[in-house]
Amino acid sequence: IERLGNTIQKIITIPAALQKVSNPVPRVKHPDWLQKMVLEKADTMKQQKITDKFKVTEKQLTLEEETSGLKGDVEDLGERFSSPSS
């Protein structure tokens, strides 16, 4: 009977509690840790993640980047503007 009660908890009562439904099988009690988990899930004063506040956007080019036409690495810039030393 204990194994049946554990199975009923896993299949019915725990998911019901997480969905804020009263215990559909009153003979099978909720585990002790479940009340704490439900309260933490419903906590409105919980600190929010910073990643929830921001979203990824496309990079916008600055005016200098749009008009310069120079592309490549910084090392390549030195080669373009230096005069040959021969």
PDB file of N, CA and C in Angstrom:
ATOM      1  N   ILE A   1       0.833  -1.188   0.000  1.00  0.00           N
ATOM      2  CA  ILE A   1       0.000   0.000   0.000  1.00  0.00           C
ATOM      3  C   ILE A   1       0.880   1.254   0.000  1.00  0.00           C
ATOM      4  N   GLU A   2       2.041   1.195   0.653  1.00  0.00           N
ATOM      5  CA  GLU A   2       2.932   2.350   0.683  1.00  0.00           C
ATOM      6  C   GLU A   2       3.456   2.674  -0.713  1.00  0.00           C
ATOM      7  N   ARG A   3       3.784   1.635  -1.481  1.00  0.00           N
ATOM      8  CA  ARG A   3       4.264   1.860  -2.842  1.00  0.00           C
ATOM      9  C   ARG A   3       3.174   2.473  -3.708  1.00  0.00           C
ATOM     10  N   LEU A   4       1.933   2.046  -3.507  1.00  0.00           N
ATOM     11  CA  LEU A   4       0.817   2.612  -4.247  1.00  0.00           C
ATOM     12  C   LEU A   4       0.641   4.094  -3.891  1.00  0.00           C
ATOM     13  N   GLY A   5       0.780   4.404  -2.605  1.00  0.00           N
ATOM     14  CA  GLY A   5       0.680   5.806  -2.174  1.00  0.00           C
ATOM     15  C   GLY A   5       1.772   6.663  -2.786  1.00  0.00           C
ATOM     16  N   ASN A   6       3.004   6.151  -2.856  1.00  0.00           N
ATOM     17  CA  ASN A   6       4.104   6.904  -3.476  1.00  0.00           C
ATOM     18  C   ASN A   6       3.854   7.121  -4.961  1.00  0.00           C
ATOM     19  N   THR A   7       3.306   6.109  -5.607  1.00  0.00           N
ATOM     20  CA  THR A   7       3.012   6.237  -7.037  1.00  0.00           C
ATOM     21  C   THR A   7       1.904   7.250  -7.272  1.00  0.00           C
ATOM     22  N   ILE A   8       0.893   7.244  -6.435  1.00  0.00           N
ATOM     23  CA  ILE A   8      -0.192   8.219  -6.556  1.00  0.00           C
ATOM     24  C   ILE A   8       0.346   9.626  -6.326  1.00  0.00           C
ATOM     25  N   GLN A   9       1.268   9.776  -5.365  1.00  0.00           N
ATOM     26  CA  GLN A   9       1.889  11.083  -5.143  1.00  0.00           C
ATOM     27  C   GLN A   9       2.591  11.572  -6.400  1.00  0.00           C
ATOM     28  N   LYS A  10       3.395  10.703  -6.998  1.00  0.00           N
ATOM     29  CA  LYS A  10       4.181  11.101  -8.167  1.00  0.00           C
ATOM     30  C   LYS A  10       3.301  11.437  -9.359  1.00  0.00           C
ATOM     31  N   ILE A  11       2.247  10.678  -9.550  1.00  0.00           N
ATOM     32  CA  ILE A  11       1.434  10.837 -10.750  1.00  0.00           C
ATOM     33  C   ILE A  11       0.332  11.884 -10.584  1.00  0.00           C
ATOM     34  N   ILE A  12      -0.256  11.961  -9.401  1.00  0.00           N
ATOM     35  CA  ILE A  12      -1.459  12.784  -9.246  1.00  0.00           C
ATOM     36  C   ILE A  12      -1.264  13.980  -8.315  1.00  0.00           C
ATOM     37  N   THR A  13      -0.884  13.730  -7.071  1.00  0.00           N
ATOM     38  CA  THR A  13      -0.953  14.801  -6.077  1.00  0.00           C
ATOM     39  C   THR A  13       0.132  15.858  -6.251  1.00  0.00           C
ATOM     40  N   ILE A  14       1.366  15.452  -6.564  1.00  0.00           N
ATOM     41  CA  ILE A  14       2.450  16.448  -6.722  1.00  0.00           C
ATOM     42  C   ILE A  14       2.184  17.347  -7.925  1.00  0.00           C
ATOM     43  N   PRO A  15       1.856  16.806  -9.117  1.00  0.00           N
ATOM     44  CA  PRO A  15       1.532  17.707 -10.228  1.00  0.00           C
ATOM     45  C   PRO A  15       0.326  18.606  -9.941  1.00  0.00           C
ATOM     46  N   ALA A  16      -0.665  18.082  -9.204  1.00  0.00           N
ATOM     47  CA  ALA A  16      -1.828  18.899  -8.861  1.00  0.00           C
ATOM     48  C   ALA A  16      -1.422  20.073  -7.975  1.00  0.00           C
ATOM     49  N   ALA A  17      -0.554  19.830  -7.001  1.00  0.00           N
ATOM     50  CA  ALA A  17      -0.111  20.910  -6.113  1.00  0.00           C
ATOM     51  C   ALA A  17       0.697  21.952  -6.885  1.00  0.00           C
ATOM     52  N   LEU A  18       1.522  21.515  -7.813  1.00  0.00           N
ATOM     53  CA  LEU A  18       2.314  22.463  -8.600  1.00  0.00           C
ATOM     54  C   LEU A  18       1.442  23.292  -9.534  1.00  0.00           C
ATOM     55  N   GLN A  19       0.263  22.788  -9.853  1.00  0.00           N
ATOM     56  CA  GLN A  19      -0.687  23.535 -10.684  1.00  0.00           C
ATOM     57  C   GLN A  19      -1.723  24.280  -9.839  1.00  0.00           C
ATOM     58  N   LYS A  20      -1.483  24.349  -8.540  1.00  0.00           N
ATOM     59  CA  LYS A  20      -2.337  25.067  -7.589  1.00  0.00           C
ATOM     60  C   LYS A  20      -3.746  24.493  -7.527  1.00  0.00           C
ATOM     61  N   VAL A  21      -3.850  23.168  -7.610  1.00  0.00           N
ATOM     62  CA  VAL A  21      -5.123  22.470  -7.473  1.00  0.00           C
ATOM     63  C   VAL A  21      -5.108  21.784  -6.115  1.00  0.00           C
ATOM     64  N   SER A  22      -6.244  21.792  -5.425  1.00  0.00           N
ATOM     65  CA  SER A  22      -6.280  21.121  -4.127  1.00  0.00           C
ATOM     66  C   SER A  22      -6.049  19.623  -4.314  1.00  0.00           C
ATOM     67  N   ASN A  23      -5.645  18.975  -3.252  1.00  0.00           N
ATOM     68  CA  ASN A  23      -5.267  17.565  -3.313  1.00  0.00           C
ATOM     69  C   ASN A  23      -6.455  16.723  -3.782  1.00  0.00           C
ATOM     70  N   PRO A  24      -6.351  16.100  -4.970  1.00  0.00           N
ATOM     71  CA  PRO A  24      -7.475  15.303  -5.474  1.00  0.00           C
ATOM     72  C   PRO A  24      -7.619  13.951  -4.782  1.00  0.00           C
ATOM     73  N   VAL A  25      -6.575  13.526  -4.060  1.00  0.00           N
ATOM     74  CA  VAL A  25      -6.634  12.255  -3.335  1.00  0.00           C
ATOM     75  C   VAL A  25      -6.306  12.562  -1.872  1.00  0.00           C
ATOM     76  N   PRO A  26      -7.301  12.915  -1.060  1.00  0.00           N
ATOM     77  CA  PRO A  26      -7.025  13.339   0.309  1.00  0.00           C
ATOM     78  C   PRO A  26      -6.421  12.249   1.197  1.00  0.00           C
ATOM     79  N   ARG A  27      -6.600  10.992   0.838  1.00  0.00           N
ATOM     80  CA  ARG A  27      -6.002   9.916   1.644  1.00  0.00           C
ATOM     81  C   ARG A  27      -4.480   9.926   1.554  1.00  0.00           C
ATOM     82  N   VAL A  28      -3.954  10.394   0.440  1.00  0.00           N
ATOM     83  CA  VAL A  28      -2.504  10.434   0.241  1.00  0.00           C
ATOM     84  C   VAL A  28      -2.043  11.861   0.541  1.00  0.00           C
ATOM     85  N   LYS A  29      -1.263  12.012   1.588  1.00  0.00           N
ATOM     86  CA  LYS A  29      -0.810  13.339   2.004  1.00  0.00           C
ATOM     87  C   LYS A  29       0.325  13.828   1.099  1.00  0.00           C
ATOM     88  N   HIS A  30       0.410  15.149   0.992  1.00  0.00           N
ATOM     89  CA  HIS A  30       1.513  15.752   0.244  1.00  0.00           C
ATOM     90  C   HIS A  30       2.811  15.548   1.016  1.00  0.00           C
ATOM     91  N   PRO A  31       3.947  15.405   0.334  1.00  0.00           N
ATOM     92  CA  PRO A  31       5.229  15.349   1.044  1.00  0.00           C
ATOM     93  C   PRO A  31       5.541  16.691   1.708  1.00  0.00           C
ATOM     94  N   ASP A  32       6.398  16.673   2.705  1.00  0.00           N
ATOM     95  CA  ASP A  32       6.710  17.896   3.460  1.00  0.00           C
ATOM     96  C   ASP A  32       7.372  18.960   2.585  1.00  0.00           C
ATOM     97  N   TRP A  33       8.234  18.553   1.685  1.00  0.00           N
ATOM     98  CA  TRP A  33       8.979  19.503   0.871  1.00  0.00           C
ATOM     99  C   TRP A  33       8.115  20.183  -0.183  1.00  0.00           C
ATOM    100  N   LEU A  34       6.960  19.621  -0.487  1.00  0.00           N
ATOM    101  CA  LEU A  34       6.126  20.145  -1.567  1.00  0.00           C
ATOM    102  C   LEU A  34       5.543  21.518  -1.233  1.00  0.00           C
ATOM    103  N   GLN A  35       5.138  21.723   0.010  1.00  0.00           N
ATOM    104  CA  GLN A  35       4.580  23.023   0.405  1.00  0.00           C
ATOM    105  C   GLN A  35       5.610  24.126   0.216  1.00  0.00           C
ATOM    106  N   LYS A  36       6.860  23.860   0.597  1.00  0.00           N
ATOM    107  CA  LYS A  36       7.926  24.848   0.432  1.00  0.00           C
ATOM    108  C   LYS A  36       8.146  25.154  -1.048  1.00  0.00           C
ATOM    109  N   MET A  37       8.123  24.130  -1.877  1.00  0.00           N
ATOM    110  CA  MET A  37       8.332  24.315  -3.316  1.00  0.00           C
ATOM    111  C   MET A  37       7.201  25.141  -3.931  1.00  0.00           C
ATOM    112  N   VAL A  38       5.975  24.886  -3.517  1.00  0.00           N
ATOM    113  CA  VAL A  38       4.826  25.630  -4.041  1.00  0.00           C
ATOM    114  C   VAL A  38       4.915  27.093  -3.612  1.00  0.00           C
ATOM    115  N   LEU A  39       5.307  27.341  -2.375  1.00  0.00           N
ATOM    116  CA  LEU A  39       5.431  28.716  -1.899  1.00  0.00           C
ATOM    117  C   LEU A  39       6.542  29.468  -2.632  1.00  0.00           C
ATOM    118  N   GLU A  40       7.665  28.802  -2.895  1.00  0.00           N
ATOM    119  CA  GLU A  40       8.751  29.447  -3.627  1.00  0.00           C
ATOM    120  C   GLU A  40       8.345  29.769  -5.059  1.00  0.00           C
ATOM    121  N   LYS A  41       7.577  28.889  -5.667  1.00  0.00           N
ATOM    122  CA  LYS A  41       7.142  29.091  -7.045  1.00  0.00           C
ATOM    123  C   LYS A  41       6.176  30.267  -7.149  1.00  0.00           C
ATOM    124  N   ALA A  42       5.349  30.467  -6.143  1.00  0.00           N
ATOM    125  CA  ALA A  42       4.339  31.516  -6.161  1.00  0.00           C
ATOM    126  C   ALA A  42       4.817  32.820  -5.528  1.00  0.00           C
ATOM    127  N   ASP A  43       6.060  32.888  -5.111  1.00  0.00           N
ATOM    128  CA  ASP A  43       6.578  34.069  -4.425  1.00  0.00           C
ATOM    129  C   ASP A  43       6.652  35.250  -5.386  1.00  0.00           C
ATOM    130  N   THR A  44       5.950  36.336  -5.056  1.00  0.00           N
ATOM    131  CA  THR A  44       5.961  37.522  -5.913  1.00  0.00           C
ATOM    132  C   THR A  44       7.123  38.449  -5.589  1.00  0.00           C
ATOM    133  N   MET A  45       7.736  38.273  -4.451  1.00  0.00           N
ATOM    134  CA  MET A  45       8.833  39.144  -4.055  1.00  0.00           C
ATOM    135  C   MET A  45      10.197  38.565  -4.427  1.00  0.00           C
ATOM    136  N   LYS A  46      10.197  37.483  -5.188  1.00  0.00           N
ATOM    137  CA  LYS A  46      11.450  36.845  -5.572  1.00  0.00           C
ATOM    138  C   LYS A  46      12.217  37.748  -6.532  1.00  0.00           C
ATOM    139  N   GLN A  47      13.517  37.795  -6.367  1.00  0.00           N
ATOM    140  CA  GLN A  47      14.348  38.620  -7.230  1.00  0.00           C
ATOM    141  C   GLN A  47      14.325  38.067  -8.647  1.00  0.00           C
ATOM    142  N   GLN A  48      14.138  38.967  -9.611  1.00  0.00           N
ATOM    143  CA  GLN A  48      14.062  38.538 -10.999  1.00  0.00           C
ATOM    144  C   GLN A  48      15.452  38.447 -11.612  1.00  0.00           C
ATOM    145  N   LYS A  49      15.588  37.620 -12.624  1.00  0.00           N
ATOM    146  CA  LYS A  49      16.861  37.477 -13.320  1.00  0.00           C
ATOM    147  C   LYS A  49      17.073  38.672 -14.233  1.00  0.00           C
ATOM    148  N   ILE A  50      18.301  39.103 -14.355  1.00  0.00           N
ATOM    149  CA  ILE A  50      18.593  40.241 -15.223  1.00  0.00           C
ATOM    150  C   ILE A  50      18.408  39.870 -16.685  1.00  0.00           C
ATOM    151  N   THR A  51      18.568  38.593 -17.013  1.00  0.00           N
ATOM    152  CA  THR A  51      18.386  38.178 -18.404  1.00  0.00           C
ATOM    153  C   THR A  51      16.922  38.257 -18.832  1.00  0.00           C
ATOM    154  N   ASP A  52      16.004  38.273 -17.878  1.00  0.00           N
ATOM    155  CA  ASP A  52      14.595  38.418 -18.220  1.00  0.00           C
ATOM    156  C   ASP A  52      14.250  39.860 -18.592  1.00  0.00           C
ATOM    157  N   LYS A  53      15.072  40.797 -18.183  1.00  0.00           N
ATOM    158  CA  LYS A  53      14.797  42.209 -18.429  1.00  0.00           C
ATOM    159  C   LYS A  53      15.330  42.708 -19.769  1.00  0.00           C
ATOM    160  N   PHE A  54      16.321  42.037 -20.321  1.00  0.00           N
ATOM    161  CA  PHE A  54      16.945  42.484 -21.557  1.00  0.00           C
ATOM    162  C   PHE A  54      16.758  41.450 -22.647  1.00  0.00           C
ATOM    163  N   LYS A  55      16.816  41.908 -23.884  1.00  0.00           N
ATOM    164  CA  LYS A  55      16.731  40.992 -25.012  1.00  0.00           C
ATOM    165  C   LYS A  55      17.874  41.273 -25.979  1.00  0.00           C
ATOM    166  N   VAL A  56      18.183  40.290 -26.802  1.00  0.00           N
ATOM    167  CA  VAL A  56      19.273  40.405 -27.758  1.00  0.00           C
ATOM    168  C   VAL A  56      18.778  41.186 -28.966  1.00  0.00           C
ATOM    169  N   THR A  57      19.557  42.170 -29.387  1.00  0.00           N
ATOM    170  CA  THR A  57      19.206  42.949 -30.572  1.00  0.00           C
ATOM    171  C   THR A  57      20.357  42.902 -31.560  1.00  0.00           C
ATOM    172  N   GLU A  58      20.073  43.319 -32.769  1.00  0.00           N
ATOM    173  CA  GLU A  58      21.117  43.367 -33.767  1.00  0.00           C
ATOM    174  C   GLU A  58      22.014  44.574 -33.506  1.00  0.00           C
ATOM    175  N   LYS A  59      23.291  44.411 -33.826  1.00  0.00           N
ATOM    176  CA  LYS A  59      24.238  45.497 -33.609  1.00  0.00           C
ATOM    177  C   LYS A  59      24.006  46.576 -34.658  1.00  0.00           C
ATOM    178  N   GLN A  60      23.922  47.814 -34.198  1.00  0.00           N
ATOM    179  CA  GLN A  60      23.758  48.930 -35.120  1.00  0.00           C
ATOM    180  C   GLN A  60      25.127  49.547 -35.379  1.00  0.00           C
ATOM    181  N   LEU A  61      25.399  49.822 -36.636  1.00  0.00           N
ATOM    182  CA  LEU A  61      26.678  50.427 -37.000  1.00  0.00           C
ATOM    183  C   LEU A  61      26.670  51.911 -36.670  1.00  0.00           C
ATOM    184  N   THR A  62      27.802  52.411 -36.237  1.00  0.00           N
ATOM    185  CA  THR A  62      27.919  53.846 -35.997  1.00  0.00           C
ATOM    186  C   THR A  62      28.136  54.559 -37.321  1.00  0.00           C
ATOM    187  N   LEU A  63      28.038  55.858 -37.314  1.00  0.00           N
ATOM    188  CA  LEU A  63      28.211  56.638 -38.535  1.00  0.00           C
ATOM    189  C   LEU A  63      29.614  56.441 -39.104  1.00  0.00           C
ATOM    190  N   GLU A  64      30.607  56.388 -38.244  1.00  0.00           N
ATOM    191  CA  GLU A  64      31.984  56.198 -38.701  1.00  0.00           C
ATOM    192  C   GLU A  64      32.154  54.840 -39.368  1.00  0.00           C
ATOM    193  N   GLU A  65      31.557  53.813 -38.818  1.00  0.00           N
ATOM    194  CA  GLU A  65      31.678  52.470 -39.388  1.00  0.00           C
ATOM    195  C   GLU A  65      30.973  52.373 -40.739  1.00  0.00           C
ATOM    196  N   GLU A  66      29.873  53.112 -40.902  1.00  0.00           N
ATOM    197  CA  GLU A  66      29.136  53.066 -42.158  1.00  0.00           C
ATOM    198  C   GLU A  66      29.874  53.793 -43.271  1.00  0.00           C
ATOM    199  N   THR A  67      30.506  54.900 -42.943  1.00  0.00           N
ATOM    200  CA  THR A  67      31.116  55.733 -43.979  1.00  0.00           C
ATOM    201  C   THR A  67      32.571  55.409 -44.244  1.00  0.00           C
ATOM    202  N   SER A  68      33.237  54.742 -43.345  1.00  0.00           N
ATOM    203  CA  SER A  68      34.677  54.537 -43.515  1.00  0.00           C
ATOM    204  C   SER A  68      35.001  53.571 -44.645  1.00  0.00           C
ATOM    205  N   GLY A  69      34.264  52.514 -44.785  1.00  0.00           N
ATOM    206  CA  GLY A  69      34.552  51.546 -45.831  1.00  0.00           C
ATOM    207  C   GLY A  69      35.767  50.697 -45.527  1.00  0.00           C
ATOM    208  N   LEU A  70      36.410  50.918 -44.405  1.00  0.00           N
ATOM    209  CA  LEU A  70      37.574  50.125 -44.030  1.00  0.00           C
ATOM    210  C   LEU A  70      37.097  48.878 -43.320  1.00  0.00           C
ATOM    211  N   LYS A  71      37.527  47.768 -43.806  1.00  0.00           N
ATOM    212  CA  LYS A  71      37.153  46.512 -43.177  1.00  0.00           C
ATOM    213  C   LYS A  71      38.401  45.701 -42.975  1.00  0.00           C
ATOM    214  N   GLY A  72      38.393  44.901 -41.951  1.00  0.00           N
ATOM    215  CA  GLY A  72      39.540  44.050 -41.689  1.00  0.00           C
ATOM    216  C   GLY A  72      40.048  44.260 -40.279  1.00  0.00           C
ATOM    217  N   ASP A  73      41.245  43.758 -40.024  1.00  0.00           N
ATOM    218  CA  ASP A  73      41.832  43.848 -38.708  1.00  0.00           C
ATOM    219  C   ASP A  73      42.602  45.139 -38.526  1.00  0.00           C
ATOM    220  N   VAL A  74      42.941  45.424 -37.284  1.00  0.00           N
ATOM    221  CA  VAL A  74      43.722  46.616 -36.969  1.00  0.00           C
ATOM    222  C   VAL A  74      45.106  46.519 -37.603  1.00  0.00           C
ATOM    223  N   GLU A  75      45.656  45.320 -37.659  1.00  0.00           N
ATOM    224  CA  GLU A  75      46.976  45.134 -38.251  1.00  0.00           C
ATOM    225  C   GLU A  75      46.983  45.513 -39.723  1.00  0.00           C
ATOM    226  N   ASP A  76      45.861  45.275 -40.409  1.00  0.00           N
ATOM    227  CA  ASP A  76      45.769  45.598 -41.825  1.00  0.00           C
ATOM    228  C   ASP A  76      45.775  47.102 -42.056  1.00  0.00           C
ATOM    229  N   LEU A  77      45.299  47.885 -41.118  1.00  0.00           N
ATOM    230  CA  LEU A  77      45.286  49.342 -41.275  1.00  0.00           C
ATOM    231  C   LEU A  77      46.697  49.899 -41.369  1.00  0.00           C
ATOM    232  N   GLY A  78      47.607  49.364 -40.602  1.00  0.00           N
ATOM    233  CA  GLY A  78      48.989  49.835 -40.636  1.00  0.00           C
ATOM    234  C   GLY A  78      49.625  49.580 -41.990  1.00  0.00           C
ATOM    235  N   GLU A  79      49.315  48.488 -42.608  1.00  0.00           N
ATOM    236  CA  GLU A  79      49.878  48.165 -43.918  1.00  0.00           C
ATOM    237  C   GLU A  79      49.303  49.050 -45.015  1.00  0.00           C
ATOM    238  N   ARG A  80      48.060  49.457 -44.898  1.00  0.00           N
ATOM    239  CA  ARG A  80      47.428  50.288 -45.922  1.00  0.00           C
ATOM    240  C   ARG A  80      48.005  51.702 -45.956  1.00  0.00           C
ATOM    241  N   PHE A  81      48.267  52.252 -44.773  1.00  0.00           N
ATOM    242  CA  PHE A  81      48.663  53.646 -44.694  1.00  0.00           C
ATOM    243  C   PHE A  81      50.160  53.863 -44.633  1.00  0.00           C
ATOM    244  N   SER A  82      50.940  52.830 -44.463  1.00  0.00           N
ATOM    245  CA  SER A  82      52.398  53.016 -44.381  1.00  0.00           C
ATOM    246  C   SER A  82      52.969  53.035 -45.785  1.00  0.00           C
ATOM    247  N   SER A  83      53.987  53.846 -45.955  1.00  0.00           N
ATOM    248  CA  SER A  83      54.640  53.924 -47.263  1.00  0.00           C
ATOM    249  C   SER A  83      55.779  52.915 -47.298  1.00  0.00           C
ATOM    250  N   PRO A  84      56.072  52.383 -48.487  1.00  0.00           N
ATOM    251  CA  PRO A  84      57.172  51.414 -48.571  1.00  0.00           C
ATOM    252  C   PRO A  84      58.500  52.080 -48.232  1.00  0.00           C
ATOM    253  N   SER A  85      59.340  51.405 -47.518  1.00  0.00           N
ATOM    254  CA  SER A  85      60.602  51.998 -47.040  1.00  0.00           C
ATOM    255  C   SER A  85      61.765  51.546 -47.920  1.00  0.00           C
ATOM    256  N   SER A  86      61.607  51.455 -49.221  1.00  0.00           N
ATOM    257  CA  SER A  86      62.727  51.057 -50.075  1.00  0.00           C
ATOM    258  C   SER A  86      63.288  52.182 -50.866  1.00  0.00           C
TER     259      SER A  86
END
